[in-house]
Amino acid sequence: MPNIKCHKIIHFLFMLWGLSFISACNAISPSVVTSITNNNAYYHLKYSLTKEKITYIDSFTSEQFIINGGQFEIRLKKSEFPISASNCKSDLILRMPWTNPEIVNSHIFIAEKYKIYNDIQNLTRSSQPNAVDIYVELNPYVEFKKGEFNLTQCNIYFRQSKGQYISKIGNLK
């Protein structure tokens, strides 16, 4: 029985440390949300994308988009992104990850991605001052040091889980 009590205490302390870490991360960078899944920290944020922040976007027909599994790429001005990228000497590369067409509901997931893609394409063509809210996953190229987040590469990703774009911040469930 003493081992069970010890295990529960250790588990409680680990959870308490995790909550403290999440609170510290969110207090310092309120735009970055931290989720813990399987003892791994995932950092994501809601980002308001405007025409002025985009330097390039892939151009696809709907057929090409489906063949590419919903994957596309946008280049963003590094200076306009809220997280520093000290090792990056050029634009940031924002990628929508590929969806495997063999998974259940892949056609729905790719259609959702195509809507986001079209919204962003329309944003770049508009003469109006509009914005598209997107959800970005900072992992795996992010580190948290001295109270600040820093991208270690020029790459960031649209938030995705199991082939589906995730249009929210916070825990998945």
N, C-alpha and C. Protein backbone atom coordinates (compact mmCIF):
# COMPACT_ATOMS: atom_id res chain seq x y z
N MET A 1 0.79 -1.21 0.00
CA MET A 1 0.00 0.00 0.00
C MET A 1 0.83 1.28 0.00
N PRO A 2 2.00 1.32 0.69
CA PRO A 2 2.78 2.55 0.66
C PRO A 2 3.20 2.94 -0.75
N ASN A 3 3.45 1.97 -1.63
CA ASN A 3 3.84 2.28 -3.00
C ASN A 3 2.72 2.98 -3.76
N ILE A 4 1.49 2.58 -3.51
CA ILE A 4 0.35 3.21 -4.17
C ILE A 4 0.23 4.66 -3.74
N LYS A 5 0.37 4.94 -2.44
CA LYS A 5 0.32 6.32 -1.95
C LYS A 5 1.45 7.15 -2.56
N CYS A 6 2.63 6.58 -2.59
CA CYS A 6 3.79 7.28 -3.15
C CYS A 6 3.54 7.57 -4.64
N HIS A 7 3.02 6.60 -5.36
CA HIS A 7 2.73 6.77 -6.78
C HIS A 7 1.70 7.89 -6.98
N LYS A 8 0.66 7.93 -6.15
CA LYS A 8 -0.36 8.97 -6.26
C LYS A 8 0.22 10.34 -5.96
N ILE A 9 1.10 10.42 -4.99
CA ILE A 9 1.74 11.70 -4.65
C ILE A 9 2.61 12.17 -5.81
N ILE A 10 3.39 11.27 -6.37
CA ILE A 10 4.25 11.62 -7.50
C ILE A 10 3.40 12.07 -8.68
N HIS A 11 2.33 11.34 -8.97
CA HIS A 11 1.43 11.70 -10.06
C HIS A 11 0.83 13.09 -9.82
N PHE A 12 0.39 13.36 -8.59
CA PHE A 12 -0.17 14.66 -8.24
C PHE A 12 0.85 15.78 -8.45
N LEU A 13 2.08 15.55 -8.00
CA LEU A 13 3.14 16.56 -8.16
C LEU A 13 3.45 16.81 -9.63
N PHE A 14 3.47 15.74 -10.43
CA PHE A 14 3.72 15.89 -11.86
C PHE A 14 2.62 16.73 -12.50
N MET A 15 1.36 16.44 -12.16
CA MET A 15 0.23 17.21 -12.70
C MET A 15 0.30 18.66 -12.25
N LEU A 16 0.66 18.90 -11.01
CA LEU A 16 0.79 20.25 -10.49
C LEU A 16 1.89 21.00 -11.23
N TRP A 17 3.03 20.33 -11.47
CA TRP A 17 4.12 20.94 -12.22
C TRP A 17 3.66 21.27 -13.63
N GLY A 18 2.93 20.35 -14.25
CA GLY A 18 2.44 20.57 -15.61
C GLY A 18 1.52 21.78 -15.69
N LEU A 19 0.62 21.91 -14.73
CA LEU A 19 -0.27 23.07 -14.71
C LEU A 19 0.49 24.36 -14.47
N SER A 20 1.51 24.31 -13.62
CA SER A 20 2.34 25.49 -13.38
C SER A 20 3.07 25.89 -14.65
N PHE A 21 3.58 24.89 -15.38
CA PHE A 21 4.29 25.16 -16.63
C PHE A 21 3.36 25.80 -17.65
N ILE A 22 2.16 25.23 -17.78
CA ILE A 22 1.18 25.78 -18.71
C ILE A 22 0.83 27.21 -18.33
N SER A 23 0.61 27.46 -17.07
CA SER A 23 0.27 28.82 -16.61
C SER A 23 1.41 29.78 -16.89
N ALA A 24 2.63 29.35 -16.65
CA ALA A 24 3.78 30.23 -16.90
C ALA A 24 3.90 30.54 -18.38
N CYS A 25 3.72 29.55 -19.23
CA CYS A 25 3.81 29.77 -20.67
C CYS A 25 2.72 30.73 -21.14
N ASN A 26 1.51 30.52 -20.68
CA ASN A 26 0.40 31.35 -21.11
C ASN A 26 0.48 32.75 -20.53
N ALA A 27 1.03 32.90 -19.35
CA ALA A 27 1.14 34.23 -18.75
C ALA A 27 2.16 35.08 -19.49
N ILE A 28 3.23 34.46 -19.95
CA ILE A 28 4.29 35.21 -20.62
C ILE A 28 3.91 35.52 -22.06
N SER A 29 3.35 34.55 -22.77
CA SER A 29 2.92 34.73 -24.15
C SER A 29 1.43 34.40 -24.23
N PRO A 30 0.57 35.37 -23.95
CA PRO A 30 -0.85 35.06 -23.87
C PRO A 30 -1.43 34.52 -25.17
N SER A 31 -0.79 34.79 -26.31
CA SER A 31 -1.33 34.29 -27.57
C SER A 31 -1.01 32.81 -27.77
N VAL A 32 -0.02 32.27 -27.09
CA VAL A 32 0.36 30.86 -27.24
C VAL A 32 -0.37 30.03 -26.19
N VAL A 33 -1.04 28.99 -26.66
CA VAL A 33 -1.74 28.06 -25.78
C VAL A 33 -0.95 26.76 -25.74
N THR A 34 -0.80 26.21 -24.55
CA THR A 34 -0.06 24.97 -24.36
C THR A 34 -1.03 23.85 -24.02
N SER A 35 -0.90 22.75 -24.75
CA SER A 35 -1.66 21.54 -24.45
C SER A 35 -0.68 20.43 -24.13
N ILE A 36 -1.00 19.63 -23.15
CA ILE A 36 -0.17 18.48 -22.80
C ILE A 36 -0.92 17.22 -23.24
N THR A 37 -0.29 16.44 -24.12
CA THR A 37 -0.85 15.18 -24.59
C THR A 37 0.23 14.12 -24.51
N ASN A 38 -0.06 13.03 -23.84
CA ASN A 38 0.92 11.94 -23.67
C ASN A 38 2.25 12.47 -23.14
N ASN A 39 2.18 13.36 -22.17
CA ASN A 39 3.35 13.98 -21.52
C ASN A 39 4.19 14.84 -22.46
N ASN A 40 3.64 15.24 -23.60
CA ASN A 40 4.33 16.14 -24.53
C ASN A 40 3.59 17.47 -24.57
N ALA A 41 4.36 18.56 -24.61
CA ALA A 41 3.77 19.89 -24.69
C ALA A 41 3.61 20.28 -26.16
N TYR A 42 2.43 20.76 -26.50
CA TYR A 42 2.15 21.26 -27.84
C TYR A 42 1.75 22.72 -27.72
N TYR A 43 2.33 23.55 -28.57
CA TYR A 43 2.11 25.00 -28.52
C TYR A 43 1.37 25.42 -29.79
N HIS A 44 0.28 26.12 -29.62
CA HIS A 44 -0.48 26.58 -30.77
C HIS A 44 -1.08 27.95 -30.48
N LEU A 45 -1.47 28.61 -31.55
CA LEU A 45 -2.05 29.94 -31.39
C LEU A 45 -3.03 30.23 -32.51
N LYS A 46 -3.93 31.13 -32.20
CA LYS A 46 -4.85 31.68 -33.20
C LYS A 46 -4.13 32.88 -33.81
N TYR A 47 -4.11 32.94 -35.12
CA TYR A 47 -3.36 33.99 -35.81
C TYR A 47 -4.27 34.63 -36.86
N SER A 48 -4.36 35.93 -36.82
CA SER A 48 -5.18 36.66 -37.78
C SER A 48 -4.32 36.99 -39.00
N LEU A 49 -4.60 36.31 -40.08
CA LEU A 49 -3.82 36.44 -41.31
C LEU A 49 -4.40 37.55 -42.16
N THR A 50 -3.56 38.51 -42.56
CA THR A 50 -3.98 39.58 -43.45
C THR A 50 -3.14 39.52 -44.72
N LYS A 51 -3.61 40.20 -45.73
CA LYS A 51 -2.94 40.23 -47.03
C LYS A 51 -1.49 40.71 -46.89
N GLU A 52 -1.28 41.68 -46.02
CA GLU A 52 0.05 42.27 -45.86
C GLU A 52 1.06 41.31 -45.23
N LYS A 53 0.60 40.31 -44.54
CA LYS A 53 1.49 39.35 -43.88
C LYS A 53 1.96 38.23 -44.82
N ILE A 54 1.30 38.09 -45.96
CA ILE A 54 1.58 37.00 -46.91
C ILE A 54 2.50 37.49 -48.02
N THR A 55 3.56 36.75 -48.29
CA THR A 55 4.43 37.08 -49.42
C THR A 55 4.24 36.12 -50.59
N TYR A 56 3.65 34.93 -50.32
CA TYR A 56 3.45 33.93 -51.38
C TYR A 56 2.42 32.91 -50.90
N ILE A 57 1.63 32.40 -51.84
CA ILE A 57 0.75 31.26 -51.56
C ILE A 57 0.73 30.36 -52.79
N ASP A 58 0.78 29.04 -52.56
CA ASP A 58 0.68 28.08 -53.67
C ASP A 58 -0.59 28.33 -54.45
N SER A 59 -0.55 27.99 -55.74
CA SER A 59 -1.73 28.11 -56.58
C SER A 59 -2.10 26.72 -57.11
N PHE A 60 -3.32 26.28 -56.81
CA PHE A 60 -3.79 24.95 -57.22
C PHE A 60 -5.20 25.03 -57.77
N THR A 61 -5.51 24.12 -58.69
CA THR A 61 -6.90 23.89 -59.06
C THR A 61 -7.48 22.98 -57.98
N SER A 62 -8.79 22.83 -57.97
CA SER A 62 -9.40 21.95 -56.96
C SER A 62 -8.94 20.50 -57.16
N GLU A 63 -8.74 20.07 -58.42
CA GLU A 63 -8.26 18.71 -58.67
C GLU A 63 -6.84 18.52 -58.14
N GLN A 64 -5.97 19.50 -58.38
CA GLN A 64 -4.60 19.43 -57.87
C GLN A 64 -4.60 19.40 -56.34
N PHE A 65 -5.48 20.17 -55.76
CA PHE A 65 -5.56 20.24 -54.30
C PHE A 65 -5.91 18.87 -53.72
N ILE A 66 -6.87 18.20 -54.34
CA ILE A 66 -7.27 16.86 -53.88
C ILE A 66 -6.12 15.88 -54.05
N ILE A 67 -5.45 15.92 -55.21
CA ILE A 67 -4.30 15.03 -55.46
C ILE A 67 -3.21 15.26 -54.42
N ASN A 68 -3.02 16.51 -54.01
CA ASN A 68 -2.00 16.86 -53.00
C ASN A 68 -2.46 16.58 -51.57
N GLY A 69 -3.60 15.98 -51.39
CA GLY A 69 -4.09 15.65 -50.05
C GLY A 69 -4.34 16.87 -49.18
N GLY A 70 -4.67 18.00 -49.82
CA GLY A 70 -4.96 19.21 -49.06
C GLY A 70 -3.73 19.96 -48.58
N GLN A 71 -2.56 19.51 -49.00
CA GLN A 71 -1.32 20.17 -48.57
C GLN A 71 -1.07 21.42 -49.41
N PHE A 72 -0.75 22.52 -48.74
CA PHE A 72 -0.35 23.74 -49.44
C PHE A 72 0.59 24.54 -48.55
N GLU A 73 1.18 25.56 -49.15
CA GLU A 73 2.21 26.33 -48.46
C GLU A 73 1.99 27.83 -48.65
N ILE A 74 2.24 28.55 -47.59
CA ILE A 74 2.17 30.02 -47.61
C ILE A 74 3.49 30.54 -47.05
N ARG A 75 3.97 31.62 -47.61
CA ARG A 75 5.14 32.31 -47.04
C ARG A 75 4.62 33.55 -46.31
N LEU A 76 5.12 33.71 -45.08
CA LEU A 76 4.72 34.84 -44.24
C LEU A 76 5.91 35.72 -43.93
N LYS A 77 5.66 37.01 -43.82
CA LYS A 77 6.72 37.92 -43.38
C LYS A 77 7.10 37.57 -41.95
N LYS A 78 8.36 37.27 -41.76
CA LYS A 78 8.86 36.90 -40.43
C LYS A 78 8.58 38.01 -39.41
N SER A 79 8.73 39.25 -39.84
CA SER A 79 8.55 40.39 -38.93
C SER A 79 7.10 40.55 -38.47
N GLU A 80 6.15 39.94 -39.17
CA GLU A 80 4.74 40.07 -38.82
C GLU A 80 4.23 38.95 -37.91
N PHE A 81 5.06 37.93 -37.68
CA PHE A 81 4.62 36.79 -36.88
C PHE A 81 4.93 37.07 -35.41
N PRO A 82 4.02 36.73 -34.48
CA PRO A 82 4.19 37.10 -33.07
C PRO A 82 5.27 36.32 -32.31
N ILE A 83 5.81 35.26 -32.90
CA ILE A 83 6.86 34.48 -32.25
C ILE A 83 8.16 34.73 -33.00
N SER A 84 9.23 35.03 -32.27
CA SER A 84 10.50 35.30 -32.93
C SER A 84 11.05 34.03 -33.56
N ALA A 85 11.86 34.22 -34.59
CA ALA A 85 12.51 33.11 -35.30
C ALA A 85 13.94 33.54 -35.59
N SER A 86 14.75 33.57 -34.55
CA SER A 86 16.09 34.14 -34.65
C SER A 86 17.00 33.41 -35.64
N ASN A 87 16.78 32.13 -35.88
CA ASN A 87 17.62 31.39 -36.83
C ASN A 87 17.14 31.50 -38.27
N CYS A 88 15.99 32.07 -38.47
CA CYS A 88 15.40 32.17 -39.80
C CYS A 88 15.84 33.48 -40.46
N LYS A 89 16.42 33.37 -41.63
CA LYS A 89 16.92 34.55 -42.34
C LYS A 89 15.99 35.03 -43.45
N SER A 90 14.85 34.36 -43.62
CA SER A 90 13.93 34.72 -44.69
C SER A 90 12.49 34.65 -44.18
N ASP A 91 11.55 34.54 -45.10
CA ASP A 91 10.15 34.41 -44.73
C ASP A 91 9.91 33.12 -43.96
N LEU A 92 8.84 33.09 -43.19
CA LEU A 92 8.40 31.86 -42.54
C LEU A 92 7.59 31.04 -43.53
N ILE A 93 7.70 29.74 -43.43
CA ILE A 93 6.96 28.83 -44.30
C ILE A 93 5.85 28.20 -43.46
N LEU A 94 4.62 28.52 -43.81
CA LEU A 94 3.45 27.97 -43.13
C LEU A 94 2.87 26.89 -44.02
N ARG A 95 2.83 25.66 -43.52
CA ARG A 95 2.35 24.53 -44.32
C ARG A 95 1.08 23.93 -43.73
N MET A 96 0.18 23.60 -44.64
CA MET A 96 -0.97 22.77 -44.28
C MET A 96 -0.52 21.34 -44.54
N PRO A 97 -0.47 20.50 -43.51
CA PRO A 97 0.00 19.13 -43.71
C PRO A 97 -0.91 18.30 -44.62
N TRP A 98 -0.34 17.31 -45.23
CA TRP A 98 -1.00 16.37 -46.13
C TRP A 98 -1.99 15.49 -45.38
N THR A 99 -3.08 15.17 -46.01
CA THR A 99 -4.05 14.21 -45.46
C THR A 99 -4.02 12.95 -46.31
N ASN A 100 -3.82 11.84 -45.67
CA ASN A 100 -3.80 10.54 -46.34
C ASN A 100 -5.20 10.25 -46.89
N PRO A 101 -5.34 10.05 -48.21
CA PRO A 101 -6.67 9.80 -48.77
C PRO A 101 -7.27 8.46 -48.35
N GLU A 102 -6.48 7.61 -47.71
CA GLU A 102 -6.96 6.29 -47.28
C GLU A 102 -7.66 6.33 -45.91
N ILE A 103 -7.53 7.43 -45.17
CA ILE A 103 -8.15 7.47 -43.84
C ILE A 103 -9.65 7.78 -43.96
N VAL A 104 -10.38 7.37 -42.94
CA VAL A 104 -11.82 7.63 -42.89
C VAL A 104 -12.05 9.15 -42.87
N ASN A 105 -13.00 9.60 -43.64
CA ASN A 105 -13.39 11.02 -43.73
C ASN A 105 -12.34 11.92 -44.39
N SER A 106 -11.39 11.34 -45.10
CA SER A 106 -10.34 12.17 -45.73
C SER A 106 -10.95 13.19 -46.69
N HIS A 107 -11.99 12.82 -47.43
CA HIS A 107 -12.61 13.75 -48.37
C HIS A 107 -13.21 14.96 -47.64
N ILE A 108 -13.74 14.74 -46.45
CA ILE A 108 -14.27 15.84 -45.65
C ILE A 108 -13.13 16.72 -45.15
N PHE A 109 -12.06 16.10 -44.67
CA PHE A 109 -10.91 16.85 -44.15
C PHE A 109 -10.26 17.69 -45.24
N ILE A 110 -10.13 17.11 -46.44
CA ILE A 110 -9.52 17.85 -47.56
C ILE A 110 -10.43 18.99 -47.99
N ALA A 111 -11.74 18.77 -47.99
CA ALA A 111 -12.69 19.84 -48.32
C ALA A 111 -12.60 20.99 -47.32
N GLU A 112 -12.44 20.67 -46.03
CA GLU A 112 -12.26 21.71 -45.01
C GLU A 112 -10.98 22.51 -45.27
N LYS A 113 -9.93 21.82 -45.64
CA LYS A 113 -8.66 22.49 -45.95
C LYS A 113 -8.80 23.36 -47.20
N TYR A 114 -9.57 22.88 -48.18
CA TYR A 114 -9.77 23.65 -49.40
C TYR A 114 -10.53 24.94 -49.11
N LYS A 115 -11.46 24.90 -48.18
CA LYS A 115 -12.17 26.12 -47.80
C LYS A 115 -11.21 27.14 -47.19
N ILE A 116 -10.34 26.70 -46.30
CA ILE A 116 -9.34 27.60 -45.70
C ILE A 116 -8.43 28.17 -46.80
N TYR A 117 -7.98 27.28 -47.68
CA TYR A 117 -7.12 27.69 -48.80
C TYR A 117 -7.81 28.76 -49.64
N ASN A 118 -9.07 28.53 -50.01
CA ASN A 118 -9.82 29.51 -50.80
C ASN A 118 -10.02 30.82 -50.05
N ASP A 119 -10.31 30.74 -48.76
CA ASP A 119 -10.45 31.96 -47.96
C ASP A 119 -9.17 32.78 -48.00
N ILE A 120 -8.03 32.10 -47.90
CA ILE A 120 -6.74 32.81 -47.92
C ILE A 120 -6.45 33.35 -49.32
N GLN A 121 -6.74 32.56 -50.36
CA GLN A 121 -6.56 33.04 -51.74
C GLN A 121 -7.41 34.29 -51.97
N ASN A 122 -8.67 34.24 -51.55
CA ASN A 122 -9.56 35.40 -51.71
C ASN A 122 -9.05 36.61 -50.93
N LEU A 123 -8.48 36.36 -49.78
CA LEU A 123 -7.90 37.44 -48.98
C LEU A 123 -6.78 38.14 -49.75
N THR A 124 -5.93 37.37 -50.42
CA THR A 124 -4.80 37.97 -51.15
C THR A 124 -5.25 38.75 -52.36
N ARG A 125 -6.43 38.45 -52.89
CA ARG A 125 -6.96 39.13 -54.09
C ARG A 125 -7.86 40.31 -53.75
N SER A 126 -8.26 40.41 -52.50
CA SER A 126 -9.23 41.42 -52.10
C SER A 126 -8.57 42.80 -51.96
N SER A 127 -9.34 43.81 -52.29
CA SER A 127 -8.87 45.18 -52.07
C SER A 127 -9.34 45.70 -50.72
N GLN A 128 -10.14 44.92 -50.03
CA GLN A 128 -10.67 45.29 -48.72
C GLN A 128 -9.70 44.86 -47.61
N PRO A 129 -9.68 45.59 -46.49
CA PRO A 129 -8.81 45.20 -45.36
C PRO A 129 -9.45 44.07 -44.54
N ASN A 130 -9.34 42.85 -45.04
CA ASN A 130 -9.93 41.69 -44.38
C ASN A 130 -8.87 40.85 -43.69
N ALA A 131 -9.34 39.87 -42.93
CA ALA A 131 -8.44 38.93 -42.25
C ALA A 131 -9.09 37.55 -42.21
N VAL A 132 -8.26 36.53 -42.17
CA VAL A 132 -8.71 35.15 -41.99
C VAL A 132 -8.03 34.62 -40.73
N ASP A 133 -8.82 34.18 -39.78
CA ASP A 133 -8.25 33.59 -38.57
C ASP A 133 -7.86 32.15 -38.86
N ILE A 134 -6.61 31.82 -38.52
CA ILE A 134 -6.11 30.47 -38.71
C ILE A 134 -5.53 29.98 -37.38
N TYR A 135 -5.30 28.68 -37.30
CA TYR A 135 -4.78 28.08 -36.08
C TYR A 135 -3.48 27.38 -36.41
N VAL A 136 -2.42 27.79 -35.72
CA VAL A 136 -1.06 27.38 -36.05
C VAL A 136 -0.48 26.53 -34.93
N GLU A 137 0.19 25.47 -35.32
CA GLU A 137 0.93 24.59 -34.40
C GLU A 137 2.40 25.00 -34.50
N LEU A 138 3.02 25.35 -33.39
CA LEU A 138 4.42 25.78 -33.41
C LEU A 138 5.39 24.60 -33.39
N ASN A 139 4.96 23.47 -32.87
CA ASN A 139 5.81 22.28 -32.82
C ASN A 139 6.08 21.79 -34.24
N PRO A 140 7.16 21.14 -34.52
CA PRO A 140 8.22 20.74 -33.59
C PRO A 140 9.36 21.75 -33.49
N TYR A 141 9.29 22.82 -34.29
CA TYR A 141 10.43 23.74 -34.35
C TYR A 141 10.27 24.95 -33.44
N VAL A 142 10.04 24.69 -32.16
CA VAL A 142 9.89 25.77 -31.20
C VAL A 142 10.57 25.37 -29.90
N GLU A 143 11.09 26.38 -29.23
CA GLU A 143 11.67 26.13 -27.90
C GLU A 143 11.19 27.24 -26.98
N PHE A 144 11.18 26.93 -25.70
CA PHE A 144 10.76 27.88 -24.68
C PHE A 144 11.94 28.08 -23.75
N LYS A 145 12.59 29.25 -23.86
CA LYS A 145 13.76 29.55 -23.03
C LYS A 145 13.65 30.96 -22.48
N LYS A 146 14.08 31.10 -21.25
CA LYS A 146 14.10 32.41 -20.59
C LYS A 146 12.76 33.13 -20.70
N GLY A 147 11.68 32.36 -20.57
CA GLY A 147 10.36 32.95 -20.57
C GLY A 147 9.81 33.36 -21.92
N GLU A 148 10.47 32.95 -23.01
CA GLU A 148 10.01 33.33 -24.35
C GLU A 148 10.03 32.15 -25.29
N PHE A 149 9.11 32.18 -26.24
CA PHE A 149 9.10 31.18 -27.31
C PHE A 149 9.97 31.67 -28.44
N ASN A 150 10.64 30.74 -29.10
CA ASN A 150 11.46 31.06 -30.26
C ASN A 150 11.36 29.90 -31.25
N LEU A 151 11.11 30.23 -32.51
CA LEU A 151 11.12 29.20 -33.55
C LEU A 151 12.57 28.89 -33.89
N THR A 152 12.90 27.61 -33.97
CA THR A 152 14.28 27.20 -34.28
C THR A 152 14.50 27.03 -35.78
N GLN A 153 13.44 27.01 -36.55
CA GLN A 153 13.49 26.90 -38.01
C GLN A 153 12.51 27.92 -38.59
N CYS A 154 12.46 27.96 -39.91
CA CYS A 154 11.52 28.86 -40.59
C CYS A 154 10.15 28.22 -40.80
N ASN A 155 9.95 27.01 -40.31
CA ASN A 155 8.73 26.25 -40.59
C ASN A 155 7.73 26.30 -39.44
N ILE A 156 6.47 26.52 -39.80
CA ILE A 156 5.35 26.40 -38.89
C ILE A 156 4.24 25.68 -39.64
N TYR A 157 3.27 25.17 -38.91
CA TYR A 157 2.23 24.36 -39.53
C TYR A 157 0.84 24.79 -39.08
N PHE A 158 -0.11 24.62 -39.98
CA PHE A 158 -1.50 24.73 -39.58
C PHE A 158 -1.75 23.61 -38.57
N ARG A 159 -2.57 23.88 -37.60
CA ARG A 159 -2.84 22.86 -36.57
C ARG A 159 -3.64 21.72 -37.20
N GLN A 160 -3.18 20.50 -36.96
CA GLN A 160 -3.82 19.32 -37.54
C GLN A 160 -3.71 18.14 -36.59
N SER A 161 -4.70 17.28 -36.65
CA SER A 161 -4.66 16.03 -35.91
C SER A 161 -5.31 14.94 -36.75
N LYS A 162 -4.59 13.88 -36.98
CA LYS A 162 -5.10 12.71 -37.71
C LYS A 162 -5.68 13.10 -39.06
N GLY A 163 -4.99 14.02 -39.76
CA GLY A 163 -5.40 14.42 -41.10
C GLY A 163 -6.40 15.55 -41.17
N GLN A 164 -6.92 15.99 -40.03
CA GLN A 164 -7.93 17.03 -40.02
C GLN A 164 -7.36 18.34 -39.49
N TYR A 165 -7.65 19.44 -40.20
CA TYR A 165 -7.29 20.77 -39.73
C TYR A 165 -8.10 21.05 -38.46
N ILE A 166 -7.42 21.55 -37.44
CA ILE A 166 -8.07 21.86 -36.16
C ILE A 166 -8.24 23.37 -36.07
N SER A 167 -9.49 23.82 -36.09
CA SER A 167 -9.77 25.26 -36.09
C SER A 167 -10.14 25.75 -34.70
N LYS A 168 -9.27 25.45 -33.75
CA LYS A 168 -9.44 25.96 -32.39
C LYS A 168 -8.11 25.83 -31.66
N ILE A 169 -8.02 26.53 -30.53
CA ILE A 169 -6.87 26.37 -29.65
C ILE A 169 -7.33 25.57 -28.44
N GLY A 170 -6.38 25.08 -27.68
CA GLY A 170 -6.73 24.31 -26.50
C GLY A 170 -6.67 22.82 -26.76
N ASN A 171 -7.06 22.06 -25.75
CA ASN A 171 -7.04 20.61 -25.87
C ASN A 171 -8.03 20.14 -26.93
N LEU A 172 -7.71 19.01 -27.54
CA LEU A 172 -8.56 18.48 -28.60
C LEU A 172 -9.87 17.92 -28.07
N LYS A 173 -9.86 17.39 -26.87
CA LYS A 173 -11.10 16.79 -26.34
C LYS A 173 -11.61 17.57 -25.17
